Each structure stands twice: as structure tokens, then as C-alpha cells.
Protein backbone atom coordinates (compact mmCIF):
# COMPACT_ATOMS: atom_id res chain seq x y z
CA MET A 1 157.75 118.47 153.69
CA ILE A 2 154.31 120.00 154.26
CA ARG A 3 151.91 119.13 157.07
CA PHE A 4 148.46 120.66 156.77
CA ARG A 5 146.33 121.68 159.74
CA PRO A 6 142.78 122.24 158.42
CA ALA A 7 140.54 124.58 160.40
CA SER A 8 137.89 121.84 160.53
CA GLU A 9 140.25 119.56 162.50
CA ARG A 10 141.32 122.07 165.15
CA GLY A 11 140.23 121.66 168.74
CA GLN A 12 137.28 123.81 169.66
CA ALA A 13 135.26 125.04 172.59
CA ASP A 14 132.20 127.24 173.00
CA HIS A 15 131.77 128.85 176.42
CA GLY A 16 129.04 131.21 175.32
CA TRP A 17 131.08 134.36 175.85
CA LEU A 18 134.13 132.74 174.19
CA ARG A 19 134.36 130.67 171.02
CA THR A 20 137.86 129.33 170.44
CA ARG A 21 139.75 127.14 167.97
CA HIS A 22 143.03 125.50 168.99
CA GLY A 23 145.61 124.76 166.33
CA PHE A 24 147.67 122.84 168.92
CA SER A 25 146.93 121.05 172.17
CA PHE A 26 145.67 123.56 174.72
CA ALA A 27 143.76 123.37 178.02
CA GLU A 28 141.28 120.45 177.85
CA TYR A 29 141.97 119.82 174.16
CA GLN A 30 144.87 117.40 173.74
CA ASP A 31 146.11 115.93 170.46
CA PRO A 32 149.44 114.06 170.65
CA ASN A 33 149.97 114.71 166.93
CA TRP A 34 149.74 118.46 167.41
CA MET A 35 151.51 119.45 170.63
CA GLY A 36 153.12 122.37 168.80
CA TRP A 37 155.54 122.70 165.92
CA ARG A 38 159.17 123.70 166.31
CA ARG A 39 159.05 126.62 168.79
CA LEU A 40 155.42 127.44 168.02
CA ARG A 41 153.39 126.14 170.95
CA VAL A 42 149.92 127.76 170.79
CA MET A 43 147.81 129.02 167.89
CA ASN A 44 144.42 130.01 169.27
CA GLU A 45 141.79 131.84 167.26
CA ASP A 46 139.30 133.45 169.65
CA TRP A 47 135.98 135.25 169.34
CA ILE A 48 135.11 137.08 172.57
CA ALA A 49 131.63 138.46 173.14
CA ALA A 50 130.96 142.07 174.07
CA SER A 51 131.52 143.02 177.73
CA ASN A 52 133.36 139.78 178.48
CA GLY A 53 136.92 138.55 178.79
CA PHE A 54 139.57 136.70 180.74
CA PRO A 55 139.98 137.75 184.41
CA SER A 56 143.45 138.07 185.93
CA HIS A 57 145.50 134.90 185.43
CA PRO A 58 149.22 134.01 185.52
CA HIS A 59 151.71 133.01 182.83
CA ARG A 60 155.34 131.87 183.01
CA GLU A 61 158.17 131.09 180.56
CA MET A 62 156.38 131.86 177.31
CA GLU A 63 156.48 134.53 174.61
CA ILE A 64 152.84 135.56 174.03
CA ILE A 65 151.75 137.45 170.92
CA THR A 66 148.24 138.80 170.31
CA VAL A 67 147.10 139.88 166.83
CA VAL A 68 143.75 141.68 166.87
CA LEU A 69 141.69 141.10 163.71
CA SER A 70 138.52 143.02 164.60
CA GLY A 71 137.08 144.71 167.65
CA ALA A 72 139.25 145.83 170.55
CA ILE A 73 140.78 144.36 173.71
CA ALA A 74 141.72 145.96 177.03
CA HIS A 75 144.90 144.72 178.73
CA GLU A 76 146.10 145.15 182.33
CA ASP A 77 148.98 143.36 184.04
CA SER A 78 150.92 143.05 187.28
CA MET A 79 153.71 145.32 185.98
CA GLY A 80 151.29 148.25 185.80
CA ASN A 81 150.80 148.17 182.04
CA CYS A 82 147.38 148.90 180.61
CA GLY A 83 146.20 149.62 177.11
CA ILE A 84 143.63 149.14 174.39
CA LEU A 85 144.44 147.16 171.25
CA THR A 86 142.40 147.53 168.07
CA SER A 87 142.48 145.84 164.68
CA THR A 88 145.75 147.54 163.68
CA ASP A 89 147.55 146.49 166.86
CA VAL A 90 149.86 143.67 167.90
CA GLN A 91 150.85 142.90 171.49
CA THR A 92 153.89 141.03 172.80
CA MET A 93 154.39 139.80 176.35
CA SER A 94 157.43 137.96 177.68
CA ALA A 95 156.02 136.10 180.67
CA GLY A 96 159.49 135.03 181.85
CA ARG A 97 159.69 134.56 185.62
CA GLY A 98 155.98 135.26 185.96
CA ILE A 99 153.30 137.78 185.12
CA VAL A 100 149.60 138.18 185.91
CA HIS A 101 147.32 139.87 183.39
CA SER A 102 143.72 140.26 182.29
CA GLU A 103 142.22 140.61 178.82
CA ALA A 104 138.71 141.95 178.29
CA ASN A 105 136.40 143.13 175.55
CA PRO A 106 134.72 146.16 177.14
CA TYR A 107 132.87 147.19 173.98
CA ASP A 108 129.62 146.24 172.24
CA GLN A 109 131.33 144.59 169.24
CA GLU A 110 132.59 141.00 169.18
CA LEU A 111 136.37 140.73 169.43
CA HIS A 112 138.26 138.46 167.02
CA LEU A 113 141.94 137.72 167.54
CA TYR A 114 144.79 135.26 167.31
CA GLN A 115 146.77 134.52 170.45
CA ILE A 116 150.09 132.85 169.77
CA TRP A 117 152.62 131.36 172.16
CA ILE A 118 156.26 130.80 171.23
CA GLU A 119 158.72 129.00 173.48
CA PRO A 120 161.50 131.36 174.68
CA ALA A 121 165.16 130.85 173.83
CA LYS A 122 166.08 130.92 177.52
CA PRO A 123 164.21 130.69 180.83
CA GLY A 124 163.93 133.19 183.63
CA VAL A 125 163.87 136.44 181.67
CA THR A 126 162.48 139.60 183.21
CA PRO A 127 158.81 139.93 182.24
CA ARG A 128 158.00 142.71 179.80
CA TYR A 129 155.11 144.00 177.72
CA ASP A 130 154.79 146.01 174.52
CA GLN A 131 152.20 146.87 171.89
CA LYS A 132 152.30 148.66 168.56
CA SER A 133 150.01 149.77 165.77
CA PHE A 134 150.98 148.54 162.28
CA ASP A 135 149.80 150.36 159.16
CA PRO A 136 147.77 147.95 156.95
CA LEU A 137 149.12 149.71 153.86
CA ASP A 138 152.61 148.45 154.75
CA ARG A 139 151.48 144.83 154.36
CA THR A 140 149.51 145.32 151.15
CA GLY A 141 151.38 143.31 148.54
CA ARG A 142 154.43 142.69 150.76
CA TRP A 143 155.45 140.92 153.95
CA GLN A 144 155.20 143.22 156.96
CA LEU A 145 157.47 142.20 159.85
CA LEU A 146 155.46 142.27 163.08
CA VAL A 147 157.70 140.41 165.54
CA SER A 148 161.40 139.49 165.66
CA GLU A 149 164.19 138.84 168.13
CA ASP A 150 166.16 141.98 167.31
CA GLY A 151 163.42 144.51 166.51
CA GLU A 152 164.39 144.81 162.86
CA LYS A 153 162.26 147.25 160.84
CA GLU A 154 160.74 148.56 164.08
CA SER A 155 159.05 145.25 164.82
CA LEU A 156 158.08 144.15 168.32
CA THR A 157 160.63 141.90 170.05
CA ILE A 158 160.48 138.48 171.70
CA VAL A 159 163.07 136.28 173.38
CA GLN A 160 163.41 133.81 170.51
CA ASP A 161 164.97 133.81 167.05
CA ALA A 162 161.57 133.75 165.36
CA ARG A 163 159.83 136.15 163.02
CA ILE A 164 156.16 136.78 162.37
CA TYR A 165 155.01 138.48 159.17
CA ARG A 166 151.61 139.52 157.84
CA ARG A 167 150.59 140.10 154.23
CA GLN A 168 147.42 141.13 152.42
CA GLN A 169 147.55 140.27 148.73
CA ARG A 170 145.37 140.19 145.66
CA PRO A 171 145.39 137.00 143.53
CA SER A 172 148.98 136.25 142.54
CA LYS A 173 151.76 133.71 142.99
CA LEU A 174 154.35 134.11 145.76
CA GLN A 175 157.69 132.35 146.10
CA ASN A 176 159.14 131.98 149.61
CA SER A 177 162.56 130.68 150.62
CA ILE A 178 163.44 128.97 153.91
CA ARG A 179 166.86 129.26 155.52
CA GLU A 180 168.65 126.03 156.33
CA GLY A 181 167.57 124.45 159.58
CA ARG A 182 164.40 126.52 159.85
CA GLY A 183 160.71 126.08 159.02
CA HIS A 184 157.73 128.17 158.01
CA TRP A 185 154.21 128.03 159.35
CA VAL A 186 151.56 129.67 157.14
CA GLN A 187 148.24 130.63 158.74
CA VAL A 188 145.37 131.84 156.56
CA ILE A 189 143.35 134.64 158.17
CA SER A 190 141.07 135.10 155.16
CA GLY A 191 140.99 134.27 151.47
CA SER A 192 141.99 131.19 149.49
CA VAL A 193 145.54 129.91 148.95
CA LEU A 194 146.87 126.98 146.95
CA LEU A 195 149.87 125.30 148.59
CA GLY A 196 151.08 122.26 146.70
CA GLU A 197 147.87 120.54 145.66
CA VAL A 198 145.83 121.69 148.68
CA THR A 199 143.58 124.75 148.74
CA MET A 200 143.68 126.48 152.13
CA GLY A 201 140.94 128.74 153.47
CA PRO A 202 140.30 130.83 156.61
CA GLY A 203 141.70 129.20 159.74
CA ASP A 204 143.79 126.64 157.84
CA GLY A 205 147.48 126.31 158.64
CA ALA A 206 150.48 124.50 157.19
CA ALA A 207 153.92 123.54 158.50
CA ILE A 208 156.67 123.63 155.87
CA ASP A 209 160.28 122.49 156.32
CA GLU A 210 163.01 120.31 154.81
CA VAL A 211 162.75 122.33 151.58
CA SER A 212 164.63 125.44 150.48
CA ASP A 213 161.65 127.15 148.84
CA TYR A 214 157.95 126.79 148.07
CA SER A 215 155.19 128.69 146.29
CA LEU A 216 151.84 130.06 147.41
CA GLU A 217 149.17 130.78 144.79
CA LEU A 218 146.58 133.22 146.07
CA LEU A 219 143.30 132.33 144.40
CA GLN A 220 141.50 135.37 145.81
CA GLU A 221 142.43 138.37 147.93
CA SER A 222 143.97 136.90 151.07
CA ASP A 223 145.30 137.86 154.49
CA LEU A 224 148.16 135.67 155.76
CA LEU A 225 150.41 135.21 158.78
CA LEU A 226 153.85 133.72 158.16
CA PHE A 227 156.06 132.33 160.96
CA ASP A 228 159.79 131.82 160.37
CA LEU A 229 160.89 129.44 163.13
CA PRO A 230 164.07 127.81 164.42
């Protein structure tokens, strides 16, 4: 079964310094048909203006993943972590029992990113933070593992049996398989992808389960995120 989530139907807000698109219900945007999917709870695409950002704020009981697409973001948190993430970087944060952090764009270029929340496999874990740079060449024409539960292939880890992949691919046809009892979410960062009889473009997403395999036809050079979820 495939459920499509077109970019045009996402929740949206424009705060001047922040333009955001919500794939699932978030903050003031509430859609009972899209409260999340499987363990995927938040899929926010954000554009943050230069010299702006989110001041210190708390999180609890959520696995938070940030994928920077362009620009750079500065992170600080209550555990003493601080760092700069650029367009090759991914950040993971297990909020667990509670963490306070800030995210800012201190530069003169607009920041574009995805922030993703995944429900943890268990509550009350010790908060932790990590970030890593991923070579774009390692996702050219193949799935690059960014996030996993066990850190396979030097991926970042989260407290959930979920995997996040990224791939940049010229026009071609891909065949993906889904393990029993699991589902895939495909998010298009850029490009054009045919899934079933629907053409997906930037910002479009699709939930796929109850099948053992499916095909993606890339109609032009595309950049994709793939979530393998329990």
C-alpha cells in the first residue's frame, strides 16, 4: 500500500526568519490524518534566515535527526556539546530524560535543513548527542546509511530499530525490498521520481508498506531520503 504526502498539502508557517513545512502534525498545525507514520513522528523542512535561529528550548523522549541541505547551523546544548553542521553533516540527539539545546544560523546564507523526529524504542534513556560528516560521493548511485540502531557502516546511532539512507542518482530505475513487518518512507529532496503512477517532486513524501518490494523510476537526477521503519 502507498500513501502519498504531496509537498503542496503539508502544513506550513512563515515567521519571517523561519519558513517551515510540516509533513506531520506539529505545533499549531494539526492534521488527524497525518499524526506520524509508524515510528516517524516529525518531518519538518525548514529554511532559516541569516543571523537567526531557535533559542534554548527543551526536548524529552524523542530521537531527533537533523540533515543539513545547504548553509550551516550552530548547535549548543545542556550537556556542553557545541558544533557547526554544514551541508555534508548529519546530527543525532537522543533527548531521553531531557535536554535543552539551541540551533542558530550565525552566517549570511539562508540555512535549509530537514529535522526529523523518531519515537524511541524505550523511555528514559540518558541524553546524548553526535554529529558526523558524510561524503557525498558515497551516496552517488547507492544508498548511504546515515542513521541506524547499531551504528552499522559507521552510521550515527539512535535508540530505535530504524534506518535512514540518502541517495543521489541520475535517471534510472531502482528496486527496493521491504522486510516483513516494516515500512519505507521515501522523501524527495530534489529531482523527479515516479512511484506507481504518481510523479513525486521536491518535498513530496510517500509511505509504503504491506508489500515486499516496489520500484522507483528516477526521471531526472534526484536526491532522496529513505526511512526503513518498524
